[in-house]
Structures are given as C-alpha cells and as structure tokens.
Amino acid sequence: MTEGTRFTSGGKERRAIRAALHDERAVVQVGKAGLEPEVIVSVEQALDAREAIKVAIGRSCPLEPAEAATALAREVGAEVIERKGRVISLYRPAEGPSEKC
C-alpha cells in the first residue's frame, strides 16, 4: 500500500487489523488546515490508546488522501493498513507490555 514503516508480518495480520476496525468510526479528522501539529498530536494519542485507528481526510484538506496517508504515517511512525476513499486505517503497536486487563 505505501512505503515506510512495516509493523505487520503479512496479509493475514493486516486482514485481522482491518476486520477489527471494520465497525469503528474515524477518531480523528483532517480538515482544511491539513496535517497541522494538533492533528498529529491527536493521532499519536489515539494510537497510544488503541494501536489501530481510522482517520478521515476531509474534502477541504489541501492534500490528496494518498499523500495525507503517507505523510501522516511517516509523522507518527505508523503503518497504513488500508485506505478506502477518504478514510485511512493506521496501525502502530504499543510500546512495552500492555497494562490493559
């Protein structure tokens, strides 16, 4: 899908992540200001909390969805799992052992 950081080992793992995100809504939206620092911070916080998220690219965003996906993934150190239209799925594994029960 894109060049850059790869955290998944292959198609099977990517399909599992896509399936887990299927019913989820976008947790961050990129608007007409583009990839401003506040958006990047929001994406990083969401990835820290969930590992896999969806990001919506608004029609007023100055970047094309493919460009935005690549740039955003590079900025936050994540992997683009899927891009459907203007919605991007990103994955970044949690650092260290998970404390969730």
PDB file of N, CA and C in Angstrom:
ATOM      1  N   MET A   1       0.827  -1.190   0.000  1.00  0.00           N
ATOM      2  CA  MET A   1       0.000   0.000   0.000  1.00  0.00           C
ATOM      3  C   MET A   1       0.869   1.249   0.000  1.00  0.00           C
ATOM      4  N   THR A   2       1.735   1.420   0.989  1.00  0.00           N
ATOM      5  CA  THR A   2       2.653   2.552   0.985  1.00  0.00           C
ATOM      6  C   THR A   2       4.025   2.078   1.397  1.00  0.00           C
ATOM      7  N   GLU A   3       4.999   2.890   1.070  1.00  0.00           N
ATOM      8  CA  GLU A   3       6.348   2.590   1.525  1.00  0.00           C
ATOM      9  C   GLU A   3       6.465   3.101   2.947  1.00  0.00           C
ATOM     10  N   GLY A   4       7.470   2.619   3.663  1.00  0.00           N
ATOM     11  CA  GLY A   4       7.701   3.144   5.008  1.00  0.00           C
ATOM     12  C   GLY A   4       7.704   2.047   6.044  1.00  0.00           C
ATOM     13  N   THR A   5       7.352   2.430   7.245  1.00  0.00           N
ATOM     14  CA  THR A   5       7.396   1.544   8.390  1.00  0.00           C
ATOM     15  C   THR A   5       6.411   0.396   8.225  1.00  0.00           C
ATOM     16  N   ARG A   6       6.905  -0.816   8.477  1.00  0.00           N
ATOM     17  CA  ARG A   6       6.052  -2.008   8.431  1.00  0.00           C
ATOM     18  C   ARG A   6       6.094  -2.681   9.792  1.00  0.00           C
ATOM     19  N   PHE A   7       4.947  -2.791  10.422  1.00  0.00           N
ATOM     20  CA  PHE A   7       4.851  -3.474  11.703  1.00  0.00           C
ATOM     21  C   PHE A   7       4.199  -4.835  11.560  1.00  0.00           C
ATOM     22  N   THR A   8       3.431  -5.019  10.507  1.00  0.00           N
ATOM     23  CA  THR A   8       2.735  -6.287  10.308  1.00  0.00           C
ATOM     24  C   THR A   8       3.641  -7.236   9.532  1.00  0.00           C
ATOM     25  N   SER A   9       3.453  -8.505   9.799  1.00  0.00           N
ATOM     26  CA  SER A   9       4.303  -9.507   9.157  1.00  0.00           C
ATOM     27  C   SER A   9       3.756  -9.955   7.809  1.00  0.00           C
ATOM     28  N   GLY A  10       2.500  -9.687   7.546  1.00  0.00           N
ATOM     29  CA  GLY A  10       1.945 -10.111   6.264  1.00  0.00           C
ATOM     30  C   GLY A  10       0.468  -9.834   6.146  1.00  0.00           C
ATOM     31  N   GLY A  11      -0.105 -10.386   5.085  1.00  0.00           N
ATOM     32  CA  GLY A  11      -1.501 -10.144   4.766  1.00  0.00           C
ATOM     33  C   GLY A  11      -2.479 -10.623   5.822  1.00  0.00           C
ATOM     34  N   LYS A  12      -2.173 -11.745   6.449  1.00  0.00           N
ATOM     35  CA  LYS A  12      -3.082 -12.301   7.445  1.00  0.00           C
ATOM     36  C   LYS A  12      -3.239 -11.348   8.634  1.00  0.00           C
ATOM     37  N   GLU A  13      -2.135 -10.807   9.089  1.00  0.00           N
ATOM     38  CA  GLU A  13      -2.173  -9.873  10.219  1.00  0.00           C
ATOM     39  C   GLU A  13      -2.873  -8.563   9.820  1.00  0.00           C
ATOM     40  N   ARG A  14      -2.617  -8.093   8.615  1.00  0.00           N
ATOM     41  CA  ARG A  14      -3.261  -6.876   8.118  1.00  0.00           C
ATOM     42  C   ARG A  14      -4.777  -7.075   7.998  1.00  0.00           C
ATOM     43  N   ARG A  15      -5.197  -8.240   7.528  1.00  0.00           N
ATOM     44  CA  ARG A  15      -6.630  -8.533   7.431  1.00  0.00           C
ATOM     45  C   ARG A  15      -7.290  -8.547   8.808  1.00  0.00           C
ATOM     46  N   ALA A  16      -6.586  -9.076   9.802  1.00  0.00           N
ATOM     47  CA  ALA A  16      -7.129  -9.115  11.158  1.00  0.00           C
ATOM     48  C   ALA A  16      -7.310  -7.703  11.717  1.00  0.00           C
ATOM     49  N   ILE A  17      -6.361  -6.833  11.439  1.00  0.00           N
ATOM     50  CA  ILE A  17      -6.465  -5.444  11.901  1.00  0.00           C
ATOM     51  C   ILE A  17      -7.606  -4.740  11.180  1.00  0.00           C
ATOM     52  N   ARG A  18      -7.715  -4.944   9.870  1.00  0.00           N
ATOM     53  CA  ARG A  18      -8.820  -4.344   9.114  1.00  0.00           C
ATOM     54  C   ARG A  18     -10.167  -4.828   9.640  1.00  0.00           C
ATOM     55  N   ALA A  19     -10.255  -6.110   9.955  1.00  0.00           N
ATOM     56  CA  ALA A  19     -11.503  -6.671  10.476  1.00  0.00           C
ATOM     57  C   ALA A  19     -11.851  -6.051  11.832  1.00  0.00           C
ATOM     58  N   ALA A  20     -10.849  -5.852  12.677  1.00  0.00           N
ATOM     59  CA  ALA A  20     -11.090  -5.253  13.991  1.00  0.00           C
ATOM     60  C   ALA A  20     -11.571  -3.806  13.867  1.00  0.00           C
ATOM     61  N   LEU A  21     -11.136  -3.110  12.831  1.00  0.00           N
ATOM     62  CA  LEU A  21     -11.517  -1.715  12.621  1.00  0.00           C
ATOM     63  C   LEU A  21     -12.790  -1.551  11.793  1.00  0.00           C
ATOM     64  N   HIS A  22     -13.322  -2.637  11.270  1.00  0.00           N
ATOM     65  CA  HIS A  22     -14.434  -2.563  10.325  1.00  0.00           C
ATOM     66  C   HIS A  22     -15.597  -1.702  10.806  1.00  0.00           C
ATOM     67  N   ASP A  23     -16.078  -1.927  12.014  1.00  0.00           N
ATOM     68  CA  ASP A  23     -17.246  -1.215  12.533  1.00  0.00           C
ATOM     69  C   ASP A  23     -16.894   0.083  13.259  1.00  0.00           C
ATOM     70  N   GLU A  24     -15.614   0.395  13.332  1.00  0.00           N
ATOM     71  CA  GLU A  24     -15.184   1.605  14.037  1.00  0.00           C
ATOM     72  C   GLU A  24     -15.361   2.839  13.159  1.00  0.00           C
ATOM     73  N   ARG A  25     -15.556   3.959  13.803  1.00  0.00           N
ATOM     74  CA  ARG A  25     -15.635   5.245  13.110  1.00  0.00           C
ATOM     75  C   ARG A  25     -14.269   5.925  13.200  1.00  0.00           C
ATOM     76  N   ALA A  26     -14.056   6.910  12.344  1.00  0.00           N
ATOM     77  CA  ALA A  26     -12.816   7.676  12.380  1.00  0.00           C
ATOM     78  C   ALA A  26     -12.735   8.436  13.706  1.00  0.00           C
ATOM     79  N   VAL A  27     -11.585   8.368  14.364  1.00  0.00           N
ATOM     80  CA  VAL A  27     -11.415   9.042  15.648  1.00  0.00           C
ATOM     81  C   VAL A  27     -10.759  10.408  15.490  1.00  0.00           C
ATOM     82  N   VAL A  28     -10.143  10.654  14.333  1.00  0.00           N
ATOM     83  CA  VAL A  28      -9.510  11.944  14.048  1.00  0.00           C
ATOM     84  C   VAL A  28      -9.928  12.355  12.642  1.00  0.00           C
ATOM     85  N   GLN A  29     -10.159  13.656  12.465  1.00  0.00           N
ATOM     86  CA  GLN A  29     -10.497  14.171  11.146  1.00  0.00           C
ATOM     87  C   GLN A  29      -9.487  15.245  10.757  1.00  0.00           C
ATOM     88  N   VAL A  30      -9.031  15.190   9.513  1.00  0.00           N
ATOM     89  CA  VAL A  30      -8.096  16.172   8.984  1.00  0.00           C
ATOM     90  C   VAL A  30      -8.907  17.133   8.128  1.00  0.00           C
ATOM     91  N   GLY A  31      -8.839  18.418   8.456  1.00  0.00           N
ATOM     92  CA  GLY A  31      -9.644  19.412   7.757  1.00  0.00           C
ATOM     93  C   GLY A  31      -8.840  20.285   6.830  1.00  0.00           C
ATOM     94  N   LYS A  32      -9.336  21.504   6.619  1.00  0.00           N
ATOM     95  CA  LYS A  32      -8.738  22.401   5.639  1.00  0.00           C
ATOM     96  C   LYS A  32      -7.347  22.892   6.025  1.00  0.00           C
ATOM     97  N   ALA A  33      -6.982  22.793   7.299  1.00  0.00           N
ATOM     98  CA  ALA A  33      -5.641  23.199   7.730  1.00  0.00           C
ATOM     99  C   ALA A  33      -4.606  22.112   7.424  1.00  0.00           C
ATOM    100  N   GLY A  34      -5.051  20.942   7.032  1.00  0.00           N
ATOM    101  CA  GLY A  34      -4.128  19.856   6.681  1.00  0.00           C
ATOM    102  C   GLY A  34      -3.547  19.175   7.912  1.00  0.00           C
ATOM    103  N   LEU A  35      -2.314  18.736   7.785  1.00  0.00           N
ATOM    104  CA  LEU A  35      -1.652  17.989   8.863  1.00  0.00           C
ATOM    105  C   LEU A  35      -0.953  18.945   9.821  1.00  0.00           C
ATOM    106  N   GLU A  36      -1.741  19.742  10.505  1.00  0.00           N
ATOM    107  CA  GLU A  36      -1.187  20.682  11.473  1.00  0.00           C
ATOM    108  C   GLU A  36      -0.739  19.915  12.717  1.00  0.00           C
ATOM    109  N   PRO A  37       0.110  20.522  13.552  1.00  0.00           N
ATOM    110  CA  PRO A  37       0.641  19.826  14.733  1.00  0.00           C
ATOM    111  C   PRO A  37      -0.439  19.269  15.664  1.00  0.00           C
ATOM    112  N   GLU A  38      -1.562  19.953  15.791  1.00  0.00           N
ATOM    113  CA  GLU A  38      -2.628  19.468  16.672  1.00  0.00           C
ATOM    114  C   GLU A  38      -3.213  18.150  16.171  1.00  0.00           C
ATOM    115  N   VAL A  39      -3.320  18.011  14.859  1.00  0.00           N
ATOM    116  CA  VAL A  39      -3.834  16.772  14.269  1.00  0.00           C
ATOM    117  C   VAL A  39      -2.858  15.632  14.533  1.00  0.00           C
ATOM    118  N   ILE A  40      -1.585  15.891  14.354  1.00  0.00           N
ATOM    119  CA  ILE A  40      -0.567  14.863  14.568  1.00  0.00           C
ATOM    120  C   ILE A  40      -0.558  14.415  16.026  1.00  0.00           C
ATOM    121  N   VAL A  41      -0.674  15.356  16.950  1.00  0.00           N
ATOM    122  CA  VAL A  41      -0.735  15.016  18.376  1.00  0.00           C
ATOM    123  C   VAL A  41      -1.966  14.166  18.666  1.00  0.00           C
ATOM    124  N   SER A  42      -3.099  14.526  18.087  1.00  0.00           N
ATOM    125  CA  SER A  42      -4.334  13.754  18.288  1.00  0.00           C
ATOM    126  C   SER A  42      -4.189  12.328  17.778  1.00  0.00           C
ATOM    127  N   VAL A  43      -3.568  12.171  16.610  1.00  0.00           N
ATOM    128  CA  VAL A  43      -3.353  10.839  16.043  1.00  0.00           C
ATOM    129  C   VAL A  43      -2.409  10.038  16.929  1.00  0.00           C
ATOM    130  N   GLU A  44      -1.331  10.654  17.406  1.00  0.00           N
ATOM    131  CA  GLU A  44      -0.395   9.946  18.289  1.00  0.00           C
ATOM    132  C   GLU A  44      -1.082   9.487  19.564  1.00  0.00           C
ATOM    133  N   GLN A  45      -1.897  10.358  20.160  1.00  0.00           N
ATOM    134  CA  GLN A  45      -2.610   9.989  21.381  1.00  0.00           C
ATOM    135  C   GLN A  45      -3.592   8.843  21.124  1.00  0.00           C
ATOM    136  N   ALA A  46      -4.288   8.901  20.008  1.00  0.00           N
ATOM    137  CA  ALA A  46      -5.244   7.838  19.681  1.00  0.00           C
ATOM    138  C   ALA A  46      -4.518   6.519  19.444  1.00  0.00           C
ATOM    139  N   LEU A  47      -3.370   6.555  18.771  1.00  0.00           N
ATOM    140  CA  LEU A  47      -2.603   5.325  18.538  1.00  0.00           C
ATOM    141  C   LEU A  47      -2.025   4.770  19.837  1.00  0.00           C
ATOM    142  N   ASP A  48      -1.643   5.647  20.754  1.00  0.00           N
ATOM    143  CA  ASP A  48      -1.159   5.185  22.064  1.00  0.00           C
ATOM    144  C   ASP A  48      -2.265   4.463  22.819  1.00  0.00           C
ATOM    145  N   ALA A  49      -3.487   4.948  22.663  1.00  0.00           N
ATOM    146  CA  ALA A  49      -4.614   4.365  23.385  1.00  0.00           C
ATOM    147  C   ALA A  49      -5.148   3.095  22.731  1.00  0.00           C
ATOM    148  N   ARG A  50      -5.099   3.004  21.381  1.00  0.00           N
ATOM    149  CA  ARG A  50      -5.786   1.911  20.682  1.00  0.00           C
ATOM    150  C   ARG A  50      -4.924   1.046  19.775  1.00  0.00           C
ATOM    151  N   GLU A  51      -3.764   1.472  19.391  1.00  0.00           N
ATOM    152  CA  GLU A  51      -2.878   0.799  18.432  1.00  0.00           C
ATOM    153  C   GLU A  51      -3.356   0.907  16.991  1.00  0.00           C
ATOM    154  N   ALA A  52      -4.644   0.777  16.725  1.00  0.00           N
ATOM    155  CA  ALA A  52      -5.173   0.854  15.362  1.00  0.00           C
ATOM    156  C   ALA A  52      -6.356   1.818  15.350  1.00  0.00           C
ATOM    157  N   ILE A  53      -6.322   2.764  14.414  1.00  0.00           N
ATOM    158  CA  ILE A  53      -7.376   3.780  14.345  1.00  0.00           C
ATOM    159  C   ILE A  53      -7.729   4.080  12.893  1.00  0.00           C
ATOM    160  N   LYS A  54      -8.846   4.781  12.746  1.00  0.00           N
ATOM    161  CA  LYS A  54      -9.233   5.307  11.445  1.00  0.00           C
ATOM    162  C   LYS A  54      -9.136   6.828  11.504  1.00  0.00           C
ATOM    163  N   VAL A  55      -8.687   7.415  10.401  1.00  0.00           N
ATOM    164  CA  VAL A  55      -8.578   8.859  10.273  1.00  0.00           C
ATOM    165  C   VAL A  55      -9.327   9.268   9.013  1.00  0.00           C
ATOM    166  N   ALA A  56     -10.195  10.277   9.129  1.00  0.00           N
ATOM    167  CA  ALA A  56     -10.950  10.775   7.987  1.00  0.00           C
ATOM    168  C   ALA A  56     -10.234  11.997   7.411  1.00  0.00           C
ATOM    169  N   ILE A  57     -10.077  12.018   6.093  1.00  0.00           N
ATOM    170  CA  ILE A  57      -9.483  13.151   5.395  1.00  0.00           C
ATOM    171  C   ILE A  57     -10.627  13.935   4.764  1.00  0.00           C
ATOM    172  N   GLY A  58     -10.838  15.154   5.233  1.00  0.00           N
ATOM    173  CA  GLY A  58     -11.933  15.974   4.728  1.00  0.00           C
ATOM    174  C   GLY A  58     -11.695  16.425   3.292  1.00  0.00           C
ATOM    175  N   ARG A  59     -12.765  16.739   2.608  1.00  0.00           N
ATOM    176  CA  ARG A  59     -12.662  17.199   1.220  1.00  0.00           C
ATOM    177  C   ARG A  59     -11.930  18.528   1.114  1.00  0.00           C
ATOM    178  N   SER A  60     -11.931  19.312   2.175  1.00  0.00           N
ATOM    179  CA  SER A  60     -11.258  20.608   2.147  1.00  0.00           C
ATOM    180  C   SER A  60      -9.766  20.501   2.477  1.00  0.00           C
ATOM    181  N   CYS A  61      -9.293  19.314   2.792  1.00  0.00           N
ATOM    182  CA  CYS A  61      -7.868  19.115   3.088  1.00  0.00           C
ATOM    183  C   CYS A  61      -7.050  19.408   1.832  1.00  0.00           C
ATOM    184  N   PRO A  62      -5.952  20.178   1.960  1.00  0.00           N
ATOM    185  CA  PRO A  62      -5.148  20.516   0.792  1.00  0.00           C
ATOM    186  C   PRO A  62      -4.395  19.328   0.194  1.00  0.00           C
ATOM    187  N   LEU A  63      -4.275  18.240   0.932  1.00  0.00           N
ATOM    188  CA  LEU A  63      -3.572  17.054   0.443  1.00  0.00           C
ATOM    189  C   LEU A  63      -4.562  16.028  -0.098  1.00  0.00           C
ATOM    190  N   GLU A  64      -4.127  15.284  -1.095  1.00  0.00           N
ATOM    191  CA  GLU A  64      -4.918  14.149  -1.571  1.00  0.00           C
ATOM    192  C   GLU A  64      -4.865  13.059  -0.497  1.00  0.00           C
ATOM    193  N   PRO A  65      -5.880  12.197  -0.404  1.00  0.00           N
ATOM    194  CA  PRO A  65      -5.894  11.163   0.629  1.00  0.00           C
ATOM    195  C   PRO A  65      -4.646  10.275   0.645  1.00  0.00           C
ATOM    196  N   ALA A  66      -4.135   9.904  -0.516  1.00  0.00           N
ATOM    197  CA  ALA A  66      -2.935   9.057  -0.555  1.00  0.00           C
ATOM    198  C   ALA A  66      -1.730   9.799   0.003  1.00  0.00           C
ATOM    199  N   GLU A  67      -1.590  11.061  -0.356  1.00  0.00           N
ATOM    200  CA  GLU A  67      -0.489  11.876   0.165  1.00  0.00           C
ATOM    201  C   GLU A  67      -0.614  12.046   1.676  1.00  0.00           C
ATOM    202  N   ALA A  68      -1.820  12.339   2.131  1.00  0.00           N
ATOM    203  CA  ALA A  68      -2.065  12.539   3.554  1.00  0.00           C
ATOM    204  C   ALA A  68      -1.766  11.259   4.337  1.00  0.00           C
ATOM    205  N   ALA A  69      -2.148  10.117   3.784  1.00  0.00           N
ATOM    206  CA  ALA A  69      -1.898   8.837   4.458  1.00  0.00           C
ATOM    207  C   ALA A  69      -0.405   8.606   4.644  1.00  0.00           C
ATOM    208  N   THR A  70       0.356   8.801   3.585  1.00  0.00           N
ATOM    209  CA  THR A  70       1.800   8.583   3.644  1.00  0.00           C
ATOM    210  C   THR A  70       2.459   9.557   4.609  1.00  0.00           C
ATOM    211  N   ALA A  71       2.106  10.834   4.494  1.00  0.00           N
ATOM    212  CA  ALA A  71       2.715  11.854   5.350  1.00  0.00           C
ATOM    213  C   ALA A  71       2.361  11.641   6.820  1.00  0.00           C
ATOM    214  N   LEU A  72       1.101  11.338   7.095  1.00  0.00           N
ATOM    215  CA  LEU A  72       0.661  11.135   8.471  1.00  0.00           C
ATOM    216  C   LEU A  72       1.325   9.906   9.087  1.00  0.00           C
ATOM    217  N   ALA A  73       1.380   8.818   8.335  1.00  0.00           N
ATOM    218  CA  ALA A  73       2.025   7.601   8.836  1.00  0.00           C
ATOM    219  C   ALA A  73       3.497   7.862   9.140  1.00  0.00           C
ATOM    220  N   ARG A  74       4.164   8.600   8.282  1.00  0.00           N
ATOM    221  CA  ARG A  74       5.581   8.923   8.491  1.00  0.00           C
ATOM    222  C   ARG A  74       5.747   9.778   9.746  1.00  0.00           C
ATOM    223  N   GLU A  75       4.883  10.757   9.938  1.00  0.00           N
ATOM    224  CA  GLU A  75       4.972  11.674  11.083  1.00  0.00           C
ATOM    225  C   GLU A  75       4.787  10.968  12.423  1.00  0.00           C
ATOM    226  N   VAL A  76       3.873  10.017  12.487  1.00  0.00           N
ATOM    227  CA  VAL A  76       3.563   9.362  13.766  1.00  0.00           C
ATOM    228  C   VAL A  76       4.237   7.998  13.908  1.00  0.00           C
ATOM    229  N   GLY A  77       4.967   7.553  12.889  1.00  0.00           N
ATOM    230  CA  GLY A  77       5.643   6.262  12.963  1.00  0.00           C
ATOM    231  C   GLY A  77       4.681   5.097  12.936  1.00  0.00           C
ATOM    232  N   ALA A  78       3.705   5.171  12.049  1.00  0.00           N
ATOM    233  CA  ALA A  78       2.687   4.125  11.958  1.00  0.00           C
ATOM    234  C   ALA A  78       2.698   3.508  10.557  1.00  0.00           C
ATOM    235  N   GLU A  79       1.945   2.450  10.410  1.00  0.00           N
ATOM    236  CA  GLU A  79       1.792   1.774   9.122  1.00  0.00           C
ATOM    237  C   GLU A  79       0.374   2.007   8.603  1.00  0.00           C
ATOM    238  N   VAL A  80       0.272   2.322   7.329  1.00  0.00           N
ATOM    239  CA  VAL A  80      -1.047   2.448   6.707  1.00  0.00           C
ATOM    240  C   VAL A  80      -1.530   1.032   6.403  1.00  0.00           C
ATOM    241  N   ILE A  81      -2.615   0.646   7.032  1.00  0.00           N
ATOM    242  CA  ILE A  81      -3.172  -0.691   6.841  1.00  0.00           C
ATOM    243  C   ILE A  81      -4.119  -0.710   5.655  1.00  0.00           C
ATOM    244  N   GLU A  82      -4.882   0.378   5.515  1.00  0.00           N
ATOM    245  CA  GLU A  82      -5.865   0.431   4.436  1.00  0.00           C
ATOM    246  C   GLU A  82      -6.225   1.892   4.168  1.00  0.00           C
ATOM    247  N   ARG A  83      -6.563   2.168   2.919  1.00  0.00           N
ATOM    248  CA  ARG A  83      -7.102   3.479   2.552  1.00  0.00           C
ATOM    249  C   ARG A  83      -8.292   3.232   1.655  1.00  0.00           C
ATOM    250  N   LYS A  84      -9.459   3.624   2.135  1.00  0.00           N
ATOM    251  CA  LYS A  84     -10.699   3.496   1.353  1.00  0.00           C
ATOM    252  C   LYS A  84     -11.269   4.887   1.195  1.00  0.00           C
ATOM    253  N   GLY A  85     -11.209   5.389  -0.008  1.00  0.00           N
ATOM    254  CA  GLY A  85     -11.704   6.731  -0.245  1.00  0.00           C
ATOM    255  C   GLY A  85     -10.934   7.736   0.574  1.00  0.00           C
ATOM    256  N   ARG A  86     -11.622   8.402   1.474  1.00  0.00           N
ATOM    257  CA  ARG A  86     -11.005   9.426   2.307  1.00  0.00           C
ATOM    258  C   ARG A  86     -10.809   8.967   3.747  1.00  0.00           C
ATOM    259  N   VAL A  87     -10.858   7.666   3.986  1.00  0.00           N
ATOM    260  CA  VAL A  87     -10.659   7.123   5.328  1.00  0.00           C
ATOM    261  C   VAL A  87      -9.406   6.243   5.325  1.00  0.00           C
ATOM    262  N   ILE A  88      -8.524   6.523   6.278  1.00  0.00           N
ATOM    263  CA  ILE A  88      -7.246   5.823   6.385  1.00  0.00           C
ATOM    264  C   ILE A  88      -7.241   5.007   7.675  1.00  0.00           C
ATOM    265  N   SER A  89      -6.767   3.772   7.601  1.00  0.00           N
ATOM    266  CA  SER A  89      -6.574   2.958   8.796  1.00  0.00           C
ATOM    267  C   SER A  89      -5.087   2.908   9.088  1.00  0.00           C
ATOM    268  N   LEU A  90      -4.708   3.294  10.314  1.00  0.00           N
ATOM    269  CA  LEU A  90      -3.313   3.307  10.736  1.00  0.00           C
ATOM    270  C   LEU A  90      -3.105   2.323  11.867  1.00  0.00           C
ATOM    271  N   TYR A  91      -1.905   1.742  11.920  1.00  0.00           N
ATOM    272  CA  TYR A  91      -1.559   0.790  12.974  1.00  0.00           C
ATOM    273  C   TYR A  91      -0.159   1.094  13.475  1.00  0.00           C
ATOM    274  N   ARG A  92      -0.030   1.138  14.786  1.00  0.00           N
ATOM    275  CA  ARG A  92       1.275   1.255  15.445  1.00  0.00           C
ATOM    276  C   ARG A  92       1.195   0.457  16.736  1.00  0.00           C
ATOM    277  N   PRO A  93       2.024  -0.586  16.870  1.00  0.00           N
ATOM    278  CA  PRO A  93       1.946  -1.409  18.079  1.00  0.00           C
ATOM    279  C   PRO A  93       2.318  -0.604  19.320  1.00  0.00           C
ATOM    280  N   ALA A  94       1.735  -0.996  20.444  1.00  0.00           N
ATOM    281  CA  ALA A  94       2.020  -0.322  21.711  1.00  0.00           C
ATOM    282  C   ALA A  94       3.473  -0.577  22.101  1.00  0.00           C
ATOM    283  N   GLU A  95       4.047   0.408  22.753  1.00  0.00           N
ATOM    284  CA  GLU A  95       5.416   0.258  23.237  1.00  0.00           C
ATOM    285  C   GLU A  95       5.392  -0.398  24.603  1.00  0.00           C
ATOM    286  N   GLY A  96       6.166  -1.444  24.767  1.00  0.00           N
ATOM    287  CA  GLY A  96       6.249  -2.109  26.057  1.00  0.00           C
ATOM    288  C   GLY A  96       5.038  -2.997  26.312  1.00  0.00           C
ATOM    289  N   PRO A  97       5.008  -3.644  27.473  1.00  0.00           N
ATOM    290  CA  PRO A  97       3.879  -4.515  27.802  1.00  0.00           C
ATOM    291  C   PRO A  97       2.617  -3.712  28.055  1.00  0.00           C
ATOM    292  N   SER A  98       1.507  -4.269  27.615  1.00  0.00           N
ATOM    293  CA  SER A  98       0.217  -3.617  27.780  1.00  0.00           C
ATOM    294  C   SER A  98      -0.261  -3.758  29.219  1.00  0.00           C
ATOM    295  N   GLU A  99      -0.836  -2.701  29.767  1.00  0.00           N
ATOM    296  CA  GLU A  99      -1.345  -2.738  31.132  1.00  0.00           C
ATOM    297  C   GLU A  99      -2.852  -2.916  31.160  1.00  0.00           C
ATOM    298  N   LYS A 100      -3.457  -3.216  30.010  1.00  0.00           N
ATOM    299  CA  LYS A 100      -4.901  -3.392  29.945  1.00  0.00           C
ATOM    300  C   LYS A 100      -5.285  -4.760  30.496  1.00  0.00           C
ATOM    301  N   CYS A 101      -6.428  -4.821  31.155  1.00  0.00           N
ATOM    302  CA  CYS A 101      -6.891  -6.091  31.708  1.00  0.00           C
ATOM    303  C   CYS A 101      -7.937  -6.699  30.818  1.00  0.00           C
TER     304      CYS A 101
END
